[in-house]
Amino acid sequence: MTVITILKKPDGRYRGFQVIGHADSAQEGADLVCCSVSVLSINLVNSLEEFCQDSFRLTQDEERGLIDLVFEEDPTPEADLLMRSYDLGVHSIAEGYEPWLNVNMKEV
């Protein structure tokens, strides 16, 4: 199972996210859940690096299926929009693939 935890401050501002685990909903190379989550997560990191000036801490471990990103400061409006889009995307995937994907919100 893949678990995504989206980190938000009490005022609703995003602090980051963590993805951990492999969905194992199909054999390797055919796992649509894993592929979808990976594409959204990697694209978010790449977009933040390319289009935003935000500083963040990033940890990745492909073997464990780990992507952990925490903003150093409150995200800019651009980064916040990217995070809202990611939030929408992963929740949409989870609606159809609940046994293999769990999305949590955590207040930090």
PDB file of N, CA and C in Angstrom:
ATOM      1  N   MET A   1       0.834  -1.179   0.000  1.00  0.00           N
ATOM      2  CA  MET A   1       0.000   0.000   0.000  1.00  0.00           C
ATOM      3  C   MET A   1       0.883   1.247   0.000  1.00  0.00           C
ATOM      4  N   THR A   2       0.446   2.252  -0.723  1.00  0.00           N
ATOM      5  CA  THR A   2       1.099   3.561  -0.714  1.00  0.00           C
ATOM      6  C   THR A   2       0.317   4.478   0.222  1.00  0.00           C
ATOM      7  N   VAL A   3       1.049   5.185   1.062  1.00  0.00           N
ATOM      8  CA  VAL A   3       0.437   6.143   1.977  1.00  0.00           C
ATOM      9  C   VAL A   3       0.993   7.528   1.658  1.00  0.00           C
ATOM     10  N   ILE A   4       0.096   8.467   1.423  1.00  0.00           N
ATOM     11  CA  ILE A   4       0.477   9.860   1.190  1.00  0.00           C
ATOM     12  C   ILE A   4      -0.027  10.666   2.375  1.00  0.00           C
ATOM     13  N   THR A   5       0.876  11.447   2.945  1.00  0.00           N
ATOM     14  CA  THR A   5       0.508  12.339   4.033  1.00  0.00           C
ATOM     15  C   THR A   5       0.780  13.766   3.574  1.00  0.00           C
ATOM     16  N   ILE A   6      -0.257  14.574   3.534  1.00  0.00           N
ATOM     17  CA  ILE A   6      -0.131  15.978   3.148  1.00  0.00           C
ATOM     18  C   ILE A   6      -0.095  16.796   4.435  1.00  0.00           C
ATOM     19  N   LEU A   7       0.950  17.593   4.575  1.00  0.00           N
ATOM     20  CA  LEU A   7       1.172  18.376   5.785  1.00  0.00           C
ATOM     21  C   LEU A   7       0.630  19.785   5.608  1.00  0.00           C
ATOM     22  N   LYS A   8      -0.205  20.205   6.579  1.00  0.00           N
ATOM     23  CA  LYS A   8      -0.779  21.557   6.541  1.00  0.00           C
ATOM     24  C   LYS A   8      -0.675  22.180   7.923  1.00  0.00           C
ATOM     25  N   LYS A   9      -0.500  23.482   7.944  1.00  0.00           N
ATOM     26  CA  LYS A   9      -0.517  24.234   9.191  1.00  0.00           C
ATOM     27  C   LYS A   9      -1.974  24.439   9.622  1.00  0.00           C
ATOM     28  N   PRO A  10      -2.211  24.792  10.892  1.00  0.00           N
ATOM     29  CA  PRO A  10      -3.588  25.017  11.353  1.00  0.00           C
ATOM     30  C   PRO A  10      -4.343  26.070  10.532  1.00  0.00           C
ATOM     31  N   ASP A  11      -3.616  27.019   9.938  1.00  0.00           N
ATOM     32  CA  ASP A  11      -4.272  28.054   9.131  1.00  0.00           C
ATOM     33  C   ASP A  11      -4.542  27.606   7.698  1.00  0.00           C
ATOM     34  N   GLY A  12      -4.243  26.341   7.383  1.00  0.00           N
ATOM     35  CA  GLY A  12      -4.534  25.791   6.066  1.00  0.00           C
ATOM     36  C   GLY A  12      -3.394  25.858   5.069  1.00  0.00           C
ATOM     37  N   ARG A  13      -2.299  26.525   5.419  1.00  0.00           N
ATOM     38  CA  ARG A  13      -1.168  26.606   4.493  1.00  0.00           C
ATOM     39  C   ARG A  13      -0.422  25.274   4.461  1.00  0.00           C
ATOM     40  N   TYR A  14       0.017  24.902   3.289  1.00  0.00           N
ATOM     41  CA  TYR A  14       0.745  23.646   3.115  1.00  0.00           C
ATOM     42  C   TYR A  14       2.150  23.750   3.707  1.00  0.00           C
ATOM     43  N   ARG A  15       2.627  22.642   4.264  1.00  0.00           N
ATOM     44  CA  ARG A  15       4.001  22.545   4.774  1.00  0.00           C
ATOM     45  C   ARG A  15       4.807  21.534   3.975  1.00  0.00           C
ATOM     46  N   GLY A  16       4.128  20.636   3.251  1.00  0.00           N
ATOM     47  CA  GLY A  16       4.829  19.638   2.462  1.00  0.00           C
ATOM     48  C   GLY A  16       3.999  18.379   2.307  1.00  0.00           C
ATOM     49  N   PHE A  17       4.686  17.289   1.961  1.00  0.00           N
ATOM     50  CA  PHE A  17       4.005  16.007   1.793  1.00  0.00           C
ATOM     51  C   PHE A  17       5.018  14.873   1.906  1.00  0.00           C
ATOM     52  N   GLN A  18       4.492  13.680   2.152  1.00  0.00           N
ATOM     53  CA  GLN A  18       5.313  12.476   2.150  1.00  0.00           C
ATOM     54  C   GLN A  18       4.552  11.368   1.441  1.00  0.00           C
ATOM     55  N   VAL A  19       5.261  10.653   0.588  1.00  0.00           N
ATOM     56  CA  VAL A  19       4.741   9.444  -0.052  1.00  0.00           C
ATOM     57  C   VAL A  19       5.640   8.312   0.418  1.00  0.00           C
ATOM     58  N   ILE A  20       5.041   7.223   0.848  1.00  0.00           N
ATOM     59  CA  ILE A  20       5.840   6.064   1.244  1.00  0.00           C
ATOM     60  C   ILE A  20       5.111   4.778   0.861  1.00  0.00           C
ATOM     61  N   GLY A  21       5.884   3.834   0.354  1.00  0.00           N
ATOM     62  CA  GLY A  21       5.353   2.521   0.033  1.00  0.00           C
ATOM     63  C   GLY A  21       5.063   2.340  -1.444  1.00  0.00           C
ATOM     64  N   HIS A  22       4.821   1.099  -1.779  1.00  0.00           N
ATOM     65  CA  HIS A  22       4.481   0.725  -3.153  1.00  0.00           C
ATOM     66  C   HIS A  22       3.065   0.157  -3.146  1.00  0.00           C
ATOM     67  N   ALA A  23       2.282   0.544  -4.124  1.00  0.00           N
ATOM     68  CA  ALA A  23       0.870   0.148  -4.157  1.00  0.00           C
ATOM     69  C   ALA A  23       0.708  -1.365  -4.335  1.00  0.00           C
ATOM     70  N   ASP A  24       1.530  -1.967  -5.176  1.00  0.00           N
ATOM     71  CA  ASP A  24       1.432  -3.411  -5.462  1.00  0.00           C
ATOM     72  C   ASP A  24       0.037  -3.807  -5.926  1.00  0.00           C
ATOM     73  N   SER A  25      -0.597  -2.920  -6.714  1.00  0.00           N
ATOM     74  CA  SER A  25      -1.928  -3.235  -7.228  1.00  0.00           C
ATOM     75  C   SER A  25      -1.869  -4.088  -8.495  1.00  0.00           C
ATOM     76  N   ALA A  26      -0.682  -4.247  -9.054  1.00  0.00           N
ATOM     77  CA  ALA A  26      -0.453  -5.076 -10.234  1.00  0.00           C
ATOM     78  C   ALA A  26       1.040  -5.376 -10.269  1.00  0.00           C
ATOM     79  N   GLN A  27       1.433  -6.215 -11.208  1.00  0.00           N
ATOM     80  CA  GLN A  27       2.868  -6.525 -11.277  1.00  0.00           C
ATOM     81  C   GLN A  27       3.661  -5.300 -11.709  1.00  0.00           C
ATOM     82  N   GLU A  28       4.941  -5.300 -11.341  1.00  0.00           N
ATOM     83  CA  GLU A  28       5.812  -4.162 -11.635  1.00  0.00           C
ATOM     84  C   GLU A  28       5.767  -3.812 -13.117  1.00  0.00           C
ATOM     85  N   GLY A  29       5.632  -2.528 -13.400  1.00  0.00           N
ATOM     86  CA  GLY A  29       5.540  -2.039 -14.773  1.00  0.00           C
ATOM     87  C   GLY A  29       4.115  -1.887 -15.258  1.00  0.00           C
ATOM     88  N   ALA A  30       3.157  -2.511 -14.548  1.00  0.00           N
ATOM     89  CA  ALA A  30       1.748  -2.420 -14.941  1.00  0.00           C
ATOM     90  C   ALA A  30       0.896  -1.837 -13.815  1.00  0.00           C
ATOM     91  N   ASP A  31       1.529  -1.362 -12.778  1.00  0.00           N
ATOM     92  CA  ASP A  31       0.831  -0.852 -11.596  1.00  0.00           C
ATOM     93  C   ASP A  31       0.417   0.600 -11.831  1.00  0.00           C
ATOM     94  N   LEU A  32      -0.834   0.795 -12.230  1.00  0.00           N
ATOM     95  CA  LEU A  32      -1.326   2.129 -12.559  1.00  0.00           C
ATOM     96  C   LEU A  32      -1.377   3.053 -11.352  1.00  0.00           C
ATOM     97  N   VAL A  33      -1.658   2.521 -10.175  1.00  0.00           N
ATOM     98  CA  VAL A  33      -1.697   3.351  -8.975  1.00  0.00           C
ATOM     99  C   VAL A  33      -0.312   3.900  -8.685  1.00  0.00           C
ATOM    100  N   CYS A  34       0.673   3.027  -8.678  1.00  0.00           N
ATOM    101  CA  CYS A  34       2.053   3.443  -8.405  1.00  0.00           C
ATOM    102  C   CYS A  34       2.529   4.442  -9.461  1.00  0.00           C
ATOM    103  N   CYS A  35       2.250   4.158 -10.712  1.00  0.00           N
ATOM    104  CA  CYS A  35       2.659   5.063 -11.795  1.00  0.00           C
ATOM    105  C   CYS A  35       1.995   6.432 -11.653  1.00  0.00           C
ATOM    106  N   SER A  36       0.714   6.447 -11.354  1.00  0.00           N
ATOM    107  CA  SER A  36      -0.015   7.710 -11.231  1.00  0.00           C
ATOM    108  C   SER A  36       0.510   8.557 -10.079  1.00  0.00           C
ATOM    109  N   VAL A  37       0.703   7.934  -8.931  1.00  0.00           N
ATOM    110  CA  VAL A  37       1.221   8.656  -7.771  1.00  0.00           C
ATOM    111  C   VAL A  37       2.636   9.149  -8.046  1.00  0.00           C
ATOM    112  N   SER A  38       3.448   8.308  -8.672  1.00  0.00           N
ATOM    113  CA  SER A  38       4.821   8.701  -8.990  1.00  0.00           C
ATOM    114  C   SER A  38       4.859   9.897  -9.933  1.00  0.00           C
ATOM    115  N   VAL A  39       4.048   9.872 -10.970  1.00  0.00           N
ATOM    116  CA  VAL A  39       4.024  10.968 -11.935  1.00  0.00           C
ATOM    117  C   VAL A  39       3.600  12.270 -11.255  1.00  0.00           C
ATOM    118  N   LEU A  40       2.529  12.225 -10.474  1.00  0.00           N
ATOM    119  CA  LEU A  40       2.075  13.443  -9.796  1.00  0.00           C
ATOM    120  C   LEU A  40       3.129  13.966  -8.813  1.00  0.00           C
ATOM    121  N   SER A  41       3.734  13.069  -8.054  1.00  0.00           N
ATOM    122  CA  SER A  41       4.704  13.469  -7.027  1.00  0.00           C
ATOM    123  C   SER A  41       5.982  14.013  -7.639  1.00  0.00           C
ATOM    124  N   ILE A  42       6.522  13.320  -8.624  1.00  0.00           N
ATOM    125  CA  ILE A  42       7.764  13.765  -9.264  1.00  0.00           C
ATOM    126  C   ILE A  42       7.524  15.053 -10.035  1.00  0.00           C
ATOM    127  N   ASN A  43       6.367  15.156 -10.700  1.00  0.00           N
ATOM    128  CA  ASN A  43       6.060  16.388 -11.427  1.00  0.00           C
ATOM    129  C   ASN A  43       5.918  17.572 -10.467  1.00  0.00           C
ATOM    130  N   LEU A  44       5.340  17.344  -9.293  1.00  0.00           N
ATOM    131  CA  LEU A  44       5.223  18.415  -8.307  1.00  0.00           C
ATOM    132  C   LEU A  44       6.612  18.903  -7.892  1.00  0.00           C
ATOM    133  N   VAL A  45       7.501  17.983  -7.560  1.00  0.00           N
ATOM    134  CA  VAL A  45       8.863  18.369  -7.165  1.00  0.00           C
ATOM    135  C   VAL A  45       9.548  19.131  -8.303  1.00  0.00           C
ATOM    136  N   ASN A  46       9.464  18.605  -9.520  1.00  0.00           N
ATOM    137  CA  ASN A  46      10.094  19.272 -10.668  1.00  0.00           C
ATOM    138  C   ASN A  46       9.487  20.656 -10.918  1.00  0.00           C
ATOM    139  N   SER A  47       8.177  20.775 -10.784  1.00  0.00           N
ATOM    140  CA  SER A  47       7.511  22.065 -10.997  1.00  0.00           C
ATOM    141  C   SER A  47       7.910  23.077  -9.934  1.00  0.00           C
ATOM    142  N   LEU A  48       8.000  22.640  -8.689  1.00  0.00           N
ATOM    143  CA  LEU A  48       8.445  23.536  -7.620  1.00  0.00           C
ATOM    144  C   LEU A  48       9.859  24.043  -7.890  1.00  0.00           C
ATOM    145  N   GLU A  49      10.725  23.149  -8.359  1.00  0.00           N
ATOM    146  CA  GLU A  49      12.108  23.540  -8.667  1.00  0.00           C
ATOM    147  C   GLU A  49      12.174  24.479  -9.864  1.00  0.00           C
ATOM    148  N   GLU A  50      11.350  24.230 -10.853  1.00  0.00           N
ATOM    149  CA  GLU A  50      11.410  24.987 -12.108  1.00  0.00           C
ATOM    150  C   GLU A  50      10.688  26.327 -12.053  1.00  0.00           C
ATOM    151  N   PHE A  51       9.530  26.366 -11.401  1.00  0.00           N
ATOM    152  CA  PHE A  51       8.674  27.537 -11.487  1.00  0.00           C
ATOM    153  C   PHE A  51       8.581  28.381 -10.220  1.00  0.00           C
ATOM    154  N   CYS A  52       9.116  27.891  -9.121  1.00  0.00           N
ATOM    155  CA  CYS A  52       8.971  28.587  -7.840  1.00  0.00           C
ATOM    156  C   CYS A  52      10.335  28.871  -7.221  1.00  0.00           C
ATOM    157  N   GLN A  53      10.364  29.844  -6.367  1.00  0.00           N
ATOM    158  CA  GLN A  53      11.601  30.216  -5.675  1.00  0.00           C
ATOM    159  C   GLN A  53      11.648  29.655  -4.256  1.00  0.00           C
ATOM    160  N   ASP A  54      10.751  28.756  -3.930  1.00  0.00           N
ATOM    161  CA  ASP A  54      10.644  28.224  -2.572  1.00  0.00           C
ATOM    162  C   ASP A  54      11.815  27.298  -2.247  1.00  0.00           C
ATOM    163  N   SER A  55      12.236  27.360  -0.993  1.00  0.00           N
ATOM    164  CA  SER A  55      13.256  26.438  -0.489  1.00  0.00           C
ATOM    165  C   SER A  55      12.541  25.301   0.222  1.00  0.00           C
ATOM    166  N   PHE A  56      13.023  24.087  -0.012  1.00  0.00           N
ATOM    167  CA  PHE A  56      12.426  22.938   0.662  1.00  0.00           C
ATOM    168  C   PHE A  56      13.483  21.856   0.850  1.00  0.00           C
ATOM    169  N   ARG A  57      13.203  21.000   1.825  1.00  0.00           N
ATOM    170  CA  ARG A  57      14.044  19.831   2.090  1.00  0.00           C
ATOM    171  C   ARG A  57      13.408  18.648   1.374  1.00  0.00           C
ATOM    172  N   LEU A  58      14.209  17.894   0.622  1.00  0.00           N
ATOM    173  CA  LEU A  58      13.698  16.774  -0.156  1.00  0.00           C
ATOM    174  C   LEU A  58      14.494  15.520   0.160  1.00  0.00           C
ATOM    175  N   THR A  59      13.781  14.449   0.487  1.00  0.00           N
ATOM    176  CA  THR A  59      14.397  13.138   0.712  1.00  0.00           C
ATOM    177  C   THR A  59      13.699  12.157  -0.216  1.00  0.00           C
ATOM    178  N   GLN A  60      14.494  11.335  -0.910  1.00  0.00           N
ATOM    179  CA  GLN A  60      13.927  10.340  -1.819  1.00  0.00           C
ATOM    180  C   GLN A  60      14.631   9.006  -1.618  1.00  0.00           C
ATOM    181  N   ASP A  61      13.879   7.919  -1.729  1.00  0.00           N
ATOM    182  CA  ASP A  61      14.427   6.568  -1.658  1.00  0.00           C
ATOM    183  C   ASP A  61      13.529   5.680  -2.514  1.00  0.00           C
ATOM    184  N   GLU A  62      13.963   5.410  -3.722  1.00  0.00           N
ATOM    185  CA  GLU A  62      13.140   4.678  -4.682  1.00  0.00           C
ATOM    186  C   GLU A  62      12.782   3.280  -4.187  1.00  0.00           C
ATOM    187  N   GLU A  63      13.705   2.621  -3.535  1.00  0.00           N
ATOM    188  CA  GLU A  63      13.457   1.257  -3.054  1.00  0.00           C
ATOM    189  C   GLU A  63      12.300   1.206  -2.052  1.00  0.00           C
ATOM    190  N   ARG A  64      12.239   2.198  -1.170  1.00  0.00           N
ATOM    191  CA  ARG A  64      11.160   2.266  -0.172  1.00  0.00           C
ATOM    192  C   ARG A  64       9.922   2.985  -0.701  1.00  0.00           C
ATOM    193  N   GLY A  65      10.022   3.557  -1.891  1.00  0.00           N
ATOM    194  CA  GLY A  65       8.908   4.326  -2.439  1.00  0.00           C
ATOM    195  C   GLY A  65       8.685   5.608  -1.662  1.00  0.00           C
ATOM    196  N   LEU A  66       9.800   6.264  -1.287  1.00  0.00           N
ATOM    197  CA  LEU A  66       9.731   7.443  -0.424  1.00  0.00           C
ATOM    198  C   LEU A  66      10.044   8.723  -1.186  1.00  0.00           C
ATOM    199  N   ILE A  67       9.152   9.684  -1.048  1.00  0.00           N
ATOM    200  CA  ILE A  67       9.403  11.075  -1.434  1.00  0.00           C
ATOM    201  C   ILE A  67       8.889  11.902  -0.267  1.00  0.00           C
ATOM    202  N   ASP A  68       9.775  12.685   0.332  1.00  0.00           N
ATOM    203  CA  ASP A  68       9.424  13.504   1.487  1.00  0.00           C
ATOM    204  C   ASP A  68       9.877  14.927   1.201  1.00  0.00           C
ATOM    205  N   LEU A  69       8.936  15.864   1.169  1.00  0.00           N
ATOM    206  CA  LEU A  69       9.243  17.253   0.867  1.00  0.00           C
ATOM    207  C   LEU A  69       8.639  18.134   1.948  1.00  0.00           C
ATOM    208  N   VAL A  70       9.478  19.000   2.543  1.00  0.00           N
ATOM    209  CA  VAL A  70       9.009  19.941   3.558  1.00  0.00           C
ATOM    210  C   VAL A  70       9.533  21.326   3.187  1.00  0.00           C
ATOM    211  N   PHE A  71       8.626  22.287   3.098  1.00  0.00           N
ATOM    212  CA  PHE A  71       9.009  23.659   2.797  1.00  0.00           C
ATOM    213  C   PHE A  71       9.781  24.255   3.975  1.00  0.00           C
ATOM    214  N   GLU A  72      10.816  25.022   3.660  1.00  0.00           N
ATOM    215  CA  GLU A  72      11.609  25.693   4.697  1.00  0.00           C
ATOM    216  C   GLU A  72      10.821  26.848   5.315  1.00  0.00           C
ATOM    217  N   GLU A  73      10.004  27.523   4.505  1.00  0.00           N
ATOM    218  CA  GLU A  73       9.161  28.628   4.951  1.00  0.00           C
ATOM    219  C   GLU A  73       7.780  28.427   4.338  1.00  0.00           C
ATOM    220  N   ASP A  74       6.849  29.302   4.677  1.00  0.00           N
ATOM    221  CA  ASP A  74       5.528  29.196   4.063  1.00  0.00           C
ATOM    222  C   ASP A  74       5.672  29.273   2.548  1.00  0.00           C
ATOM    223  N   PRO A  75       4.953  28.404   1.829  1.00  0.00           N
ATOM    224  CA  PRO A  75       5.073  28.416   0.372  1.00  0.00           C
ATOM    225  C   PRO A  75       4.522  29.700  -0.246  1.00  0.00           C
ATOM    226  N   THR A  76       5.123  30.071  -1.368  1.00  0.00           N
ATOM    227  CA  THR A  76       4.633  31.206  -2.143  1.00  0.00           C
ATOM    228  C   THR A  76       3.262  30.849  -2.730  1.00  0.00           C
ATOM    229  N   PRO A  77       2.512  31.844  -3.216  1.00  0.00           N
ATOM    230  CA  PRO A  77       1.217  31.538  -3.835  1.00  0.00           C
ATOM    231  C   PRO A  77       1.338  30.529  -4.988  1.00  0.00           C
ATOM    232  N   GLU A  78       2.410  30.594  -5.751  1.00  0.00           N
ATOM    233  CA  GLU A  78       2.609  29.651  -6.863  1.00  0.00           C
ATOM    234  C   GLU A  78       2.792  28.232  -6.334  1.00  0.00           C
ATOM    235  N   ALA A  79       3.619  28.083  -5.306  1.00  0.00           N
ATOM    236  CA  ALA A  79       3.856  26.764  -4.724  1.00  0.00           C
ATOM    237  C   ALA A  79       2.585  26.237  -4.063  1.00  0.00           C
ATOM    238  N   ASP A  80       1.822  27.120  -3.438  1.00  0.00           N
ATOM    239  CA  ASP A  80       0.565  26.725  -2.817  1.00  0.00           C
ATOM    240  C   ASP A  80      -0.406  26.193  -3.868  1.00  0.00           C
ATOM    241  N   LEU A  81      -0.468  26.851  -5.014  1.00  0.00           N
ATOM    242  CA  LEU A  81      -1.340  26.381  -6.100  1.00  0.00           C
ATOM    243  C   LEU A  81      -0.898  24.998  -6.590  1.00  0.00           C
ATOM    244  N   LEU A  82       0.388  24.793  -6.744  1.00  0.00           N
ATOM    245  CA  LEU A  82       0.888  23.477  -7.150  1.00  0.00           C
ATOM    246  C   LEU A  82       0.533  22.418  -6.113  1.00  0.00           C
ATOM    247  N   MET A  83       0.657  22.748  -4.845  1.00  0.00           N
ATOM    248  CA  MET A  83       0.295  21.807  -3.775  1.00  0.00           C
ATOM    249  C   MET A  83      -1.204  21.513  -3.788  1.00  0.00           C
ATOM    250  N   ARG A  84      -2.045  22.523  -4.024  1.00  0.00           N
ATOM    251  CA  ARG A  84      -3.490  22.292  -4.096  1.00  0.00           C
ATOM    252  C   ARG A  84      -3.831  21.362  -5.256  1.00  0.00           C
ATOM    253  N   SER A  85      -3.142  21.548  -6.375  1.00  0.00           N
ATOM    254  CA  SER A  85      -3.352  20.686  -7.529  1.00  0.00           C
ATOM    255  C   SER A  85      -2.943  19.241  -7.214  1.00  0.00           C
ATOM    256  N   TYR A  86      -1.807  19.084  -6.553  1.00  0.00           N
ATOM    257  CA  TYR A  86      -1.335  17.753  -6.144  1.00  0.00           C
ATOM    258  C   TYR A  86      -2.344  17.107  -5.192  1.00  0.00           C
ATOM    259  N   ASP A  87      -2.804  17.862  -4.213  1.00  0.00           N
ATOM    260  CA  ASP A  87      -3.785  17.403  -3.239  1.00  0.00           C
ATOM    261  C   ASP A  87      -5.031  16.886  -3.962  1.00  0.00           C
ATOM    262  N   LEU A  88      -5.540  17.657  -4.907  1.00  0.00           N
ATOM    263  CA  LEU A  88      -6.702  17.254  -5.696  1.00  0.00           C
ATOM    264  C   LEU A  88      -6.416  15.961  -6.469  1.00  0.00           C
ATOM    265  N   GLY A  89      -5.260  15.902  -7.104  1.00  0.00           N
ATOM    266  CA  GLY A  89      -4.913  14.738  -7.916  1.00  0.00           C
ATOM    267  C   GLY A  89      -4.807  13.451  -7.121  1.00  0.00           C
ATOM    268  N   VAL A  90      -4.097  13.482  -6.002  1.00  0.00           N
ATOM    269  CA  VAL A  90      -3.924  12.249  -5.232  1.00  0.00           C
ATOM    270  C   VAL A  90      -5.226  11.819  -4.555  1.00  0.00           C
ATOM    271  N   HIS A  91      -6.051  12.788  -4.141  1.00  0.00           N
ATOM    272  CA  HIS A  91      -7.353  12.421  -3.585  1.00  0.00           C
ATOM    273  C   HIS A  91      -8.251  11.799  -4.661  1.00  0.00           C
ATOM    274  N   SER A  92      -8.164  12.284  -5.879  1.00  0.00           N
ATOM    275  CA  SER A  92      -8.951  11.710  -6.981  1.00  0.00           C
ATOM    276  C   SER A  92      -8.533  10.271  -7.265  1.00  0.00           C
ATOM    277  N   ILE A  93      -7.238  10.005  -7.251  1.00  0.00           N
ATOM    278  CA  ILE A  93      -6.752   8.630  -7.453  1.00  0.00           C
ATOM    279  C   ILE A  93      -7.226   7.739  -6.311  1.00  0.00           C
ATOM    280  N   ALA A  94      -7.108   8.231  -5.080  1.00  0.00           N
ATOM    281  CA  ALA A  94      -7.470   7.429  -3.911  1.00  0.00           C
ATOM    282  C   ALA A  94      -8.945   7.021  -3.926  1.00  0.00           C
ATOM    283  N   GLU A  95      -9.811   7.869  -4.472  1.00  0.00           N
ATOM    284  CA  GLU A  95     -11.243   7.535  -4.519  1.00  0.00           C
ATOM    285  C   GLU A  95     -11.497   6.240  -5.278  1.00  0.00           C
ATOM    286  N   GLY A  96     -10.733   5.986  -6.316  1.00  0.00           N
ATOM    287  CA  GLY A  96     -10.950   4.789  -7.127  1.00  0.00           C
ATOM    288  C   GLY A  96     -10.064   3.615  -6.764  1.00  0.00           C
ATOM    289  N   TYR A  97      -9.049   3.845  -5.955  1.00  0.00           N
ATOM    290  CA  TYR A  97      -8.066   2.790  -5.671  1.00  0.00           C
ATOM    291  C   TYR A  97      -7.744   2.711  -4.180  1.00  0.00           C
ATOM    292  N   GLU A  98      -8.781   2.833  -3.352  1.00  0.00           N
ATOM    293  CA  GLU A  98      -8.606   2.893  -1.903  1.00  0.00           C
ATOM    294  C   GLU A  98      -7.817   1.718  -1.306  1.00  0.00           C
ATOM    295  N   PRO A  99      -7.984   0.512  -1.760  1.00  0.00           N
ATOM    296  CA  PRO A  99      -7.218  -0.568  -1.117  1.00  0.00           C
ATOM    297  C   PRO A  99      -5.699  -0.418  -1.275  1.00  0.00           C
ATOM    298  N   TRP A 100      -5.269   0.304  -2.291  1.00  0.00           N
ATOM    299  CA  TRP A 100      -3.837   0.411  -2.575  1.00  0.00           C
ATOM    300  C   TRP A 100      -3.252   1.784  -2.271  1.00  0.00           C
ATOM    301  N   LEU A 101      -4.114   2.769  -2.023  1.00  0.00           N
ATOM    302  CA  LEU A 101      -3.650   4.128  -1.789  1.00  0.00           C
ATOM    303  C   LEU A 101      -4.454   4.767  -0.668  1.00  0.00           C
ATOM    304  N   ASN A 102      -3.743   5.309   0.308  1.00  0.00           N
ATOM    305  CA  ASN A 102      -4.363   5.989   1.430  1.00  0.00           C
ATOM    306  C   ASN A 102      -3.782   7.401   1.494  1.00  0.00           C
ATOM    307  N   VAL A 103      -4.650   8.424   1.473  1.00  0.00           N
ATOM    308  CA  VAL A 103      -4.202   9.817   1.552  1.00  0.00           C
ATOM    309  C   VAL A 103      -4.697  10.403   2.867  1.00  0.00           C
ATOM    310  N   ASN A 104      -3.745  10.932   3.645  1.00  0.00           N
ATOM    311  CA  ASN A 104      -4.052  11.511   4.953  1.00  0.00           C
ATOM    312  C   ASN A 104      -3.660  12.987   4.957  1.00  0.00           C
ATOM    313  N   MET A 105      -4.371  13.743   5.763  1.00  0.00           N
ATOM    314  CA  MET A 105      -4.001  15.130   6.035  1.00  0.00           C
ATOM    315  C   MET A 105      -3.470  15.169   7.458  1.00  0.00           C
ATOM    316  N   LYS A 106      -2.352  15.853   7.659  1.00  0.00           N
ATOM    317  CA  LYS A 106      -1.766  15.967   8.997  1.00  0.00           C
ATOM    318  C   LYS A 106      -1.504  17.429   9.297  1.00  0.00           C
ATOM    319  N   GLU A 107      -2.030  17.889  10.423  1.00  0.00           N
ATOM    320  CA  GLU A 107      -1.800  19.264  10.850  1.00  0.00           C
ATOM    321  C   GLU A 107      -0.471  19.327  11.607  1.00  0.00           C
ATOM    322  N   VAL A 108       0.377  20.247  11.170  1.00  0.00           N
ATOM    323  CA  VAL A 108       1.708  20.386  11.804  1.00  0.00           C
ATOM    324  C   VAL A 108       1.926  21.802  12.293  1.00  0.00           C
TER     325      VAL A 108
END
